Amino acid sequence: MLCLSGFFISCEKTDDKMLEKEVFSSEVSVKSTSEMSVGELHNLYLDDLYEYLSEQDDLDAENISDYTRGFLQNLQYGDLAIEYYDYDLNEEAVDYNLSPEFKNEINNLNTILDGEDFIDFDAFETLVVNYQPIFISEQYEIDAWGYYSDILVHSTAYWNENLDKWDNLIDVPVTLNDKKPCKEGSWGKRLWCNTKKYVGADVAAGASQAVVLLLGPNPVTIGAVGGSALGGSVAAIFKDLIFSEE
């Protein structure tokens, strides 16, 4: 009797733990039903993923990708997140749905950002939000640019604030701090220089999916665009944090 009781209690605790892991994606879905932009959802996804990974007692470089896939699979648009995660992790283009004109627009804005020394983040956001496209003219691309710029602002804010947190997620021989290209100079210079690698993967994947949806029969949802951006984002940080050689 005691053995059986212990068994059922153990099963109950195991079931609770499994249920707990499955519930996190539902919480994200509930939060995303409020008035939330795609960039805000992208950051929420990253916060929830980090929290989930940090709760795993055996997390290491060998299993972090498996845990991440488990998280992504539970998202409403997890298939898209995993698709872009695999693309970026395997050094495949995540922006293949973007036209040459759209890519020229990205390069032009990046060139402007590279040359700026922002006094604060508000100045960075103002520049991005007020940027007027000069290469794209099709309405669907202009609409996609709106998603692009929103993810760009929020992703830059996220990685600027959280790079060190992810750096300490697991013990690895090569850290993100070793890879930061800009260790000197003003805050404004370091802001964009140290985050654009991860931000670039986010926005390229998100904008690419937005274009697909804008040209297709299905409506654009922030979950689909935000999930795609999440996939590119996580792959980019993992490539530097874990999978790169010393």
C-alpha atoms as a PDB file:
ATOM      1  CA  MET A   1       0.000   0.000   0.000  1.00  0.00           C
ATOM      2  CA  LEU A   2       2.751   2.410   0.988  1.00  0.00           C
ATOM      3  CA  CYS A   3       4.718   1.527  -2.119  1.00  0.00           C
ATOM      4  CA  LEU A   4       1.660   2.054  -4.303  1.00  0.00           C
ATOM      5  CA  SER A   5       0.917   5.362  -2.601  1.00  0.00           C
ATOM      6  CA  GLY A   6       4.457   6.495  -3.191  1.00  0.00           C
ATOM      7  CA  PHE A   7       4.207   5.439  -6.818  1.00  0.00           C
ATOM      8  CA  PHE A   8       1.017   7.415  -7.429  1.00  0.00           C
ATOM      9  CA  ILE A   9       2.397  10.472  -5.639  1.00  0.00           C
ATOM     10  CA  SER A  10       5.538  10.214  -7.753  1.00  0.00           C
ATOM     11  CA  CYS A  11       3.477   9.940 -10.936  1.00  0.00           C
ATOM     12  CA  GLU A  12       1.373  12.890  -9.854  1.00  0.00           C
ATOM     13  CA  LYS A  13       4.460  15.014  -9.304  1.00  0.00           C
ATOM     14  CA  THR A  14       5.880  13.890 -12.662  1.00  0.00           C
ATOM     15  CA  ASP A  15       2.621  14.718 -14.405  1.00  0.00           C
ATOM     16  CA  ASP A  16       2.549  18.120 -12.724  1.00  0.00           C
ATOM     17  CA  LYS A  17       6.080  18.796 -13.900  1.00  0.00           C
ATOM     18  CA  MET A  18       5.227  17.779 -17.461  1.00  0.00           C
ATOM     19  CA  LEU A  19       2.068  19.867 -17.370  1.00  0.00           C
ATOM     20  CA  GLU A  20       4.094  22.798 -16.086  1.00  0.00           C
ATOM     21  CA  LYS A  21       6.394  22.550 -19.118  1.00  0.00           C
ATOM     22  CA  GLU A  22       3.437  22.422 -21.484  1.00  0.00           C
ATOM     23  CA  VAL A  23       1.637  25.378 -19.916  1.00  0.00           C
ATOM     24  CA  PHE A  24       4.299  27.999 -20.639  1.00  0.00           C
ATOM     25  CA  SER A  25       3.300  28.302 -24.284  1.00  0.00           C
ATOM     26  CA  SER A  26      -0.331  28.792 -23.294  1.00  0.00           C
ATOM     27  CA  GLU A  27       0.701  31.668 -21.046  1.00  0.00           C
ATOM     28  CA  VAL A  28       2.496  33.277 -23.968  1.00  0.00           C
ATOM     29  CA  SER A  29      -0.613  32.865 -26.113  1.00  0.00           C
ATOM     30  CA  VAL A  30      -2.818  34.496 -23.494  1.00  0.00           C
ATOM     31  CA  LYS A  31      -0.467  37.440 -23.099  1.00  0.00           C
ATOM     32  CA  SER A  32      -0.251  37.898 -26.855  1.00  0.00           C
ATOM     33  CA  THR A  33      -4.023  38.314 -27.203  1.00  0.00           C
ATOM     34  CA  SER A  34      -3.724  41.780 -25.666  1.00  0.00           C
ATOM     35  CA  GLU A  35      -2.627  44.809 -27.645  1.00  0.00           C
ATOM     36  CA  MET A  36       0.953  43.730 -28.251  1.00  0.00           C
ATOM     37  CA  SER A  37       3.239  44.486 -31.175  1.00  0.00           C
ATOM     38  CA  VAL A  38       5.242  41.791 -32.941  1.00  0.00           C
ATOM     39  CA  GLY A  39       8.440  43.173 -31.415  1.00  0.00           C
ATOM     40  CA  GLU A  40       6.979  43.004 -27.910  1.00  0.00           C
ATOM     41  CA  LEU A  41       5.860  39.431 -28.511  1.00  0.00           C
ATOM     42  CA  HIS A  42       9.329  38.519 -29.793  1.00  0.00           C
ATOM     43  CA  ASN A  43      10.876  39.795 -26.556  1.00  0.00           C
ATOM     44  CA  LEU A  44       8.255  37.987 -24.488  1.00  0.00           C
ATOM     45  CA  TYR A  45       9.118  34.756 -26.286  1.00  0.00           C
ATOM     46  CA  LEU A  46      12.814  35.280 -25.521  1.00  0.00           C
ATOM     47  CA  ASP A  47      12.101  36.024 -21.852  1.00  0.00           C
ATOM     48  CA  ASP A  48       9.975  32.887 -21.514  1.00  0.00           C
ATOM     49  CA  LEU A  49      12.530  30.730 -23.314  1.00  0.00           C
ATOM     50  CA  TYR A  50      15.333  31.979 -21.099  1.00  0.00           C
ATOM     51  CA  GLU A  51      13.276  31.323 -17.979  1.00  0.00           C
ATOM     52  CA  TYR A  52      12.431  27.823 -19.203  1.00  0.00           C
ATOM     53  CA  LEU A  53      16.046  26.984 -20.011  1.00  0.00           C
ATOM     54  CA  SER A  54      17.358  28.399 -16.742  1.00  0.00           C
ATOM     55  CA  GLU A  55      15.009  26.073 -14.819  1.00  0.00           C
ATOM     56  CA  GLN A  56      16.593  22.928 -16.312  1.00  0.00           C
ATOM     57  CA  ASP A  57      19.006  21.462 -13.747  1.00  0.00           C
ATOM     58  CA  ASP A  58      21.019  19.511 -16.320  1.00  0.00           C
ATOM     59  CA  LEU A  59      21.266  22.228 -18.966  1.00  0.00           C
ATOM     60  CA  ASP A  60      24.532  22.162 -20.908  1.00  0.00           C
ATOM     61  CA  ALA A  61      25.927  22.713 -24.408  1.00  0.00           C
ATOM     62  CA  GLU A  62      24.896  19.180 -25.427  1.00  0.00           C
ATOM     63  CA  ASN A  63      21.188  19.408 -24.620  1.00  0.00           C
ATOM     64  CA  ILE A  64      20.329  23.108 -24.801  1.00  0.00           C
ATOM     65  CA  SER A  65      19.202  22.787 -28.412  1.00  0.00           C
ATOM     66  CA  ASP A  66      16.913  19.844 -27.553  1.00  0.00           C
ATOM     67  CA  TYR A  67      15.334  21.808 -24.720  1.00  0.00           C
ATOM     68  CA  THR A  68      14.921  24.779 -27.038  1.00  0.00           C
ATOM     69  CA  ARG A  69      13.197  22.679 -29.687  1.00  0.00           C
ATOM     70  CA  GLY A  70      10.847  21.367 -27.018  1.00  0.00           C
ATOM     71  CA  PHE A  71       9.950  24.932 -26.098  1.00  0.00           C
ATOM     72  CA  LEU A  72       9.478  26.001 -29.696  1.00  0.00           C
ATOM     73  CA  GLN A  73       7.300  22.989 -30.509  1.00  0.00           C
ATOM     74  CA  ASN A  74       4.829  24.082 -27.842  1.00  0.00           C
ATOM     75  CA  LEU A  75       4.329  27.517 -29.347  1.00  0.00           C
ATOM     76  CA  GLN A  76       1.308  28.117 -31.531  1.00  0.00           C
ATOM     77  CA  TYR A  77       3.575  28.761 -34.526  1.00  0.00           C
ATOM     78  CA  GLY A  78       6.391  26.552 -33.345  1.00  0.00           C
ATOM     79  CA  ASP A  79       6.867  24.965 -36.747  1.00  0.00           C
ATOM     80  CA  LEU A  80       7.841  28.349 -38.183  1.00  0.00           C
ATOM     81  CA  ALA A  81      10.133  29.073 -35.245  1.00  0.00           C
ATOM     82  CA  ILE A  82      11.920  25.755 -35.735  1.00  0.00           C
ATOM     83  CA  GLU A  83      12.119  26.282 -39.499  1.00  0.00           C
ATOM     84  CA  TYR A  84      13.951  29.591 -39.127  1.00  0.00           C
ATOM     85  CA  TYR A  85      15.959  28.241 -36.184  1.00  0.00           C
ATOM     86  CA  ASP A  86      17.303  25.461 -38.405  1.00  0.00           C
ATOM     87  CA  TYR A  87      17.962  27.812 -41.318  1.00  0.00           C
ATOM     88  CA  ASP A  88      20.078  30.186 -39.284  1.00  0.00           C
ATOM     89  CA  LEU A  89      21.783  27.483 -37.232  1.00  0.00           C
ATOM     90  CA  ASN A  90      22.882  25.757 -40.450  1.00  0.00           C
ATOM     91  CA  GLU A  91      24.126  29.008 -42.006  1.00  0.00           C
ATOM     92  CA  GLU A  92      21.264  29.101 -44.498  1.00  0.00           C
ATOM     93  CA  ALA A  93      19.627  32.361 -45.514  1.00  0.00           C
ATOM     94  CA  VAL A  94      16.594  33.346 -43.475  1.00  0.00           C
ATOM     95  CA  ASP A  95      15.832  36.282 -45.763  1.00  0.00           C
ATOM     96  CA  TYR A  96      15.285  34.309 -48.951  1.00  0.00           C
ATOM     97  CA  ASN A  97      11.727  35.618 -49.302  1.00  0.00           C
ATOM     98  CA  LEU A  98      12.907  39.230 -49.371  1.00  0.00           C
ATOM     99  CA  SER A  99      13.375  41.021 -52.673  1.00  0.00           C
ATOM    100  CA  PRO A 100      16.675  42.663 -53.672  1.00  0.00           C
ATOM    101  CA  GLU A 101      14.990  46.019 -53.047  1.00  0.00           C
ATOM    102  CA  PHE A 102      14.026  45.029 -49.512  1.00  0.00           C
ATOM    103  CA  LYS A 103      17.570  43.838 -48.835  1.00  0.00           C
ATOM    104  CA  ASN A 104      18.903  47.136 -50.182  1.00  0.00           C
ATOM    105  CA  GLU A 105      16.607  48.912 -47.733  1.00  0.00           C
ATOM    106  CA  ILE A 106      18.007  46.853 -44.866  1.00  0.00           C
ATOM    107  CA  ASN A 107      21.588  47.565 -45.935  1.00  0.00           C
ATOM    108  CA  ASN A 108      20.884  51.279 -46.225  1.00  0.00           C
ATOM    109  CA  LEU A 109      19.393  51.517 -42.738  1.00  0.00           C
ATOM    110  CA  ASN A 110      22.237  49.423 -41.314  1.00  0.00           C
ATOM    111  CA  THR A 111      24.780  51.763 -42.889  1.00  0.00           C
ATOM    112  CA  ILE A 112      23.073  54.727 -41.250  1.00  0.00           C
ATOM    113  CA  LEU A 113      22.970  52.948 -37.884  1.00  0.00           C
ATOM    114  CA  ASP A 114      26.643  51.987 -38.214  1.00  0.00           C
ATOM    115  CA  GLY A 115      27.590  55.639 -38.535  1.00  0.00           C
ATOM    116  CA  GLU A 116      25.521  56.961 -35.635  1.00  0.00           C
ATOM    117  CA  ASP A 117      26.547  57.483 -32.007  1.00  0.00           C
ATOM    118  CA  PHE A 118      23.255  57.513 -30.149  1.00  0.00           C
ATOM    119  CA  ILE A 119      22.921  59.637 -27.052  1.00  0.00           C
ATOM    120  CA  ASP A 120      20.364  57.183 -25.634  1.00  0.00           C
ATOM    121  CA  PHE A 121      18.027  54.416 -26.738  1.00  0.00           C
ATOM    122  CA  ASP A 122      15.211  56.863 -27.474  1.00  0.00           C
ATOM    123  CA  ALA A 123      17.422  58.413 -30.152  1.00  0.00           C
ATOM    124  CA  PHE A 124      18.010  54.975 -31.668  1.00  0.00           C
ATOM    125  CA  GLU A 125      14.300  54.183 -31.679  1.00  0.00           C
ATOM    126  CA  THR A 126      13.407  57.559 -33.174  1.00  0.00           C
ATOM    127  CA  LEU A 127      15.816  57.060 -36.065  1.00  0.00           C
ATOM    128  CA  VAL A 128      14.508  53.569 -36.860  1.00  0.00           C
ATOM    129  CA  VAL A 129      10.825  54.448 -36.558  1.00  0.00           C
ATOM    130  CA  ASN A 130      11.162  57.608 -38.643  1.00  0.00           C
ATOM    131  CA  TYR A 131      13.270  56.019 -41.367  1.00  0.00           C
ATOM    132  CA  GLN A 132      11.545  56.383 -44.738  1.00  0.00           C
ATOM    133  CA  PRO A 133      12.146  53.518 -47.197  1.00  0.00           C
ATOM    134  CA  ILE A 134      13.666  54.608 -50.490  1.00  0.00           C
ATOM    135  CA  PHE A 135      14.129  51.304 -52.347  1.00  0.00           C
ATOM    136  CA  ILE A 136      10.822  49.526 -51.825  1.00  0.00           C
ATOM    137  CA  SER A 137       7.540  50.738 -53.307  1.00  0.00           C
ATOM    138  CA  GLU A 138       5.217  47.726 -53.318  1.00  0.00           C
ATOM    139  CA  GLN A 139       2.566  48.038 -50.619  1.00  0.00           C
ATOM    140  CA  TYR A 140       3.167  44.560 -49.218  1.00  0.00           C
ATOM    141  CA  GLU A 141       6.845  45.374 -48.738  1.00  0.00           C
ATOM    142  CA  ILE A 142       6.050  48.677 -47.063  1.00  0.00           C
ATOM    143  CA  ASP A 143       3.719  46.798 -44.736  1.00  0.00           C
ATOM    144  CA  ALA A 144       6.424  44.199 -44.066  1.00  0.00           C
ATOM    145  CA  TRP A 145       8.857  47.018 -43.300  1.00  0.00           C
ATOM    146  CA  GLY A 146       6.573  48.057 -40.456  1.00  0.00           C
ATOM    147  CA  TYR A 147       7.027  44.625 -38.870  1.00  0.00           C
ATOM    148  CA  TYR A 148      10.752  44.779 -39.607  1.00  0.00           C
ATOM    149  CA  SER A 149      11.307  48.099 -37.856  1.00  0.00           C
ATOM    150  CA  ASP A 150       9.221  47.094 -34.837  1.00  0.00           C
ATOM    151  CA  ILE A 151      11.220  43.895 -34.326  1.00  0.00           C
ATOM    152  CA  LEU A 152      14.441  45.849 -34.896  1.00  0.00           C
ATOM    153  CA  VAL A 153      13.716  48.321 -32.099  1.00  0.00           C
ATOM    154  CA  HIS A 154      12.571  45.723 -29.582  1.00  0.00           C
ATOM    155  CA  SER A 155      15.229  43.160 -30.432  1.00  0.00           C
ATOM    156  CA  THR A 156      18.018  45.726 -30.059  1.00  0.00           C
ATOM    157  CA  ALA A 157      16.641  46.751 -26.671  1.00  0.00           C
ATOM    158  CA  TYR A 158      16.394  43.119 -25.596  1.00  0.00           C
ATOM    159  CA  TRP A 159      19.897  42.047 -26.570  1.00  0.00           C
ATOM    160  CA  ASN A 160      21.442  45.235 -25.234  1.00  0.00           C
ATOM    161  CA  GLU A 161      19.925  44.473 -21.828  1.00  0.00           C
ATOM    162  CA  ASN A 162      20.208  40.684 -21.791  1.00  0.00           C
ATOM    163  CA  LEU A 163      23.397  39.587 -23.573  1.00  0.00           C
ATOM    164  CA  ASP A 164      25.256  39.059 -20.308  1.00  0.00           C
ATOM    165  CA  LYS A 165      22.352  37.064 -18.884  1.00  0.00           C
ATOM    166  CA  TRP A 166      22.423  34.632 -21.798  1.00  0.00           C
ATOM    167  CA  ASP A 167      26.208  34.581 -21.588  1.00  0.00           C
ATOM    168  CA  ASN A 168      25.938  33.069 -18.100  1.00  0.00           C
ATOM    169  CA  LEU A 169      23.201  30.576 -18.959  1.00  0.00           C
ATOM    170  CA  ILE A 170      25.669  27.690 -19.203  1.00  0.00           C
ATOM    171  CA  ASP A 171      29.408  27.245 -18.771  1.00  0.00           C
ATOM    172  CA  VAL A 172      31.119  27.341 -22.137  1.00  0.00           C
ATOM    173  CA  PRO A 173      34.772  27.849 -23.066  1.00  0.00           C
ATOM    174  CA  VAL A 174      34.069  30.810 -25.353  1.00  0.00           C
ATOM    175  CA  THR A 175      31.757  33.501 -24.010  1.00  0.00           C
ATOM    176  CA  LEU A 176      29.767  36.188 -25.729  1.00  0.00           C
ATOM    177  CA  ASN A 177      31.870  38.837 -24.013  1.00  0.00           C
ATOM    178  CA  ASP A 178      34.914  37.419 -25.819  1.00  0.00           C
ATOM    179  CA  LYS A 179      33.078  37.867 -29.106  1.00  0.00           C
ATOM    180  CA  LYS A 180      31.765  41.385 -28.623  1.00  0.00           C
ATOM    181  CA  PRO A 181      33.323  43.425 -31.441  1.00  0.00           C
ATOM    182  CA  CYS A 182      32.933  46.740 -29.626  1.00  0.00           C
ATOM    183  CA  LYS A 183      34.408  46.757 -26.151  1.00  0.00           C
ATOM    184  CA  GLU A 184      35.455  50.393 -26.256  1.00  0.00           C
ATOM    185  CA  GLY A 185      33.900  53.647 -27.310  1.00  0.00           C
ATOM    186  CA  SER A 186      30.733  55.382 -26.226  1.00  0.00           C
ATOM    187  CA  TRP A 187      27.536  53.626 -25.192  1.00  0.00           C
ATOM    188  CA  GLY A 188      25.896  54.661 -28.455  1.00  0.00           C
ATOM    189  CA  LYS A 189      28.599  53.010 -30.551  1.00  0.00           C
ATOM    190  CA  ARG A 190      28.550  49.782 -28.547  1.00  0.00           C
ATOM    191  CA  LEU A 191      24.757  49.565 -28.554  1.00  0.00           C
ATOM    192  CA  TRP A 192      24.330  48.737 -32.228  1.00  0.00           C
ATOM    193  CA  CYS A 193      27.738  47.187 -32.849  1.00  0.00           C
ATOM    194  CA  ASN A 194      27.357  44.522 -30.162  1.00  0.00           C
ATOM    195  CA  THR A 195      23.744  43.607 -30.890  1.00  0.00           C
ATOM    196  CA  LYS A 196      23.283  43.862 -34.656  1.00  0.00           C
ATOM    197  CA  LYS A 197      24.430  40.298 -35.337  1.00  0.00           C
ATOM    198  CA  TYR A 198      21.563  38.863 -33.277  1.00  0.00           C
ATOM    199  CA  VAL A 199      19.100  41.561 -34.259  1.00  0.00           C
ATOM    200  CA  GLY A 200      19.850  40.941 -37.939  1.00  0.00           C
ATOM    201  CA  ALA A 201      18.783  37.313 -37.659  1.00  0.00           C
ATOM    202  CA  ASP A 202      15.590  38.300 -35.823  1.00  0.00           C
ATOM    203  CA  VAL A 203      14.426  40.909 -38.267  1.00  0.00           C
ATOM    204  CA  ALA A 204      15.376  39.013 -41.428  1.00  0.00           C
ATOM    205  CA  ALA A 205      13.391  35.955 -40.342  1.00  0.00           C
ATOM    206  CA  GLY A 206      10.418  37.996 -39.135  1.00  0.00           C
ATOM    207  CA  ALA A 207      10.245  40.173 -42.231  1.00  0.00           C
ATOM    208  CA  SER A 208      10.633  37.148 -44.508  1.00  0.00           C
ATOM    209  CA  GLN A 209       7.636  35.460 -42.898  1.00  0.00           C
ATOM    210  CA  ALA A 210       5.626  38.689 -42.991  1.00  0.00           C
ATOM    211  CA  VAL A 211       6.196  38.889 -46.753  1.00  0.00           C
ATOM    212  CA  VAL A 212       5.034  35.282 -47.188  1.00  0.00           C
ATOM    213  CA  LEU A 213       1.837  35.986 -45.278  1.00  0.00           C
ATOM    214  CA  LEU A 214       1.180  39.313 -46.983  1.00  0.00           C
ATOM    215  CA  LEU A 215       1.420  37.636 -50.399  1.00  0.00           C
ATOM    216  CA  GLY A 216      -0.515  34.525 -49.410  1.00  0.00           C
ATOM    217  CA  PRO A 217      -4.101  33.664 -48.521  1.00  0.00           C
ATOM    218  CA  ASN A 218      -3.545  33.594 -44.755  1.00  0.00           C
ATOM    219  CA  PRO A 219      -3.725  36.743 -42.620  1.00  0.00           C
ATOM    220  CA  VAL A 220      -0.643  38.141 -40.925  1.00  0.00           C
ATOM    221  CA  THR A 221      -0.519  37.273 -37.244  1.00  0.00           C
ATOM    222  CA  ILE A 222       2.021  38.559 -34.765  1.00  0.00           C
ATOM    223  CA  GLY A 223       2.453  34.987 -33.507  1.00  0.00           C
ATOM    224  CA  ALA A 224       3.644  33.755 -36.899  1.00  0.00           C
ATOM    225  CA  VAL A 225       5.967  36.712 -37.484  1.00  0.00           C
ATOM    226  CA  GLY A 226       7.180  36.829 -33.882  1.00  0.00           C
ATOM    227  CA  GLY A 227       7.743  33.076 -33.792  1.00  0.00           C
ATOM    228  CA  SER A 228       9.796  33.218 -36.979  1.00  0.00           C
ATOM    229  CA  ALA A 229      11.891  36.050 -35.554  1.00  0.00           C
ATOM    230  CA  LEU A 230      12.373  34.055 -32.361  1.00  0.00           C
ATOM    231  CA  GLY A 231      13.773  31.102 -34.328  1.00  0.00           C
ATOM    232  CA  GLY A 232      16.380  33.235 -36.078  1.00  0.00           C
ATOM    233  CA  SER A 233      17.175  35.046 -32.855  1.00  0.00           C
ATOM    234  CA  VAL A 234      17.866  31.954 -30.766  1.00  0.00           C
ATOM    235  CA  ALA A 235      19.957  30.314 -33.482  1.00  0.00           C
ATOM    236  CA  ALA A 236      22.104  33.433 -33.777  1.00  0.00           C
ATOM    237  CA  ILE A 237      22.846  33.596 -30.056  1.00  0.00           C
ATOM    238  CA  PHE A 238      23.515  29.849 -29.856  1.00  0.00           C
ATOM    239  CA  LYS A 239      25.974  29.982 -32.732  1.00  0.00           C
ATOM    240  CA  ASP A 240      28.075  32.469 -30.811  1.00  0.00           C
ATOM    241  CA  LEU A 241      27.482  31.077 -27.334  1.00  0.00           C
ATOM    242  CA  ILE A 242      27.802  27.362 -27.925  1.00  0.00           C
ATOM    243  CA  PHE A 243      28.423  26.061 -31.423  1.00  0.00           C
ATOM    244  CA  SER A 244      31.286  28.273 -32.558  1.00  0.00           C
ATOM    245  CA  GLU A 245      34.857  27.056 -32.281  1.00  0.00           C
ATOM    246  CA  GLU A 246      37.349  28.861 -30.090  1.00  0.00           C
END
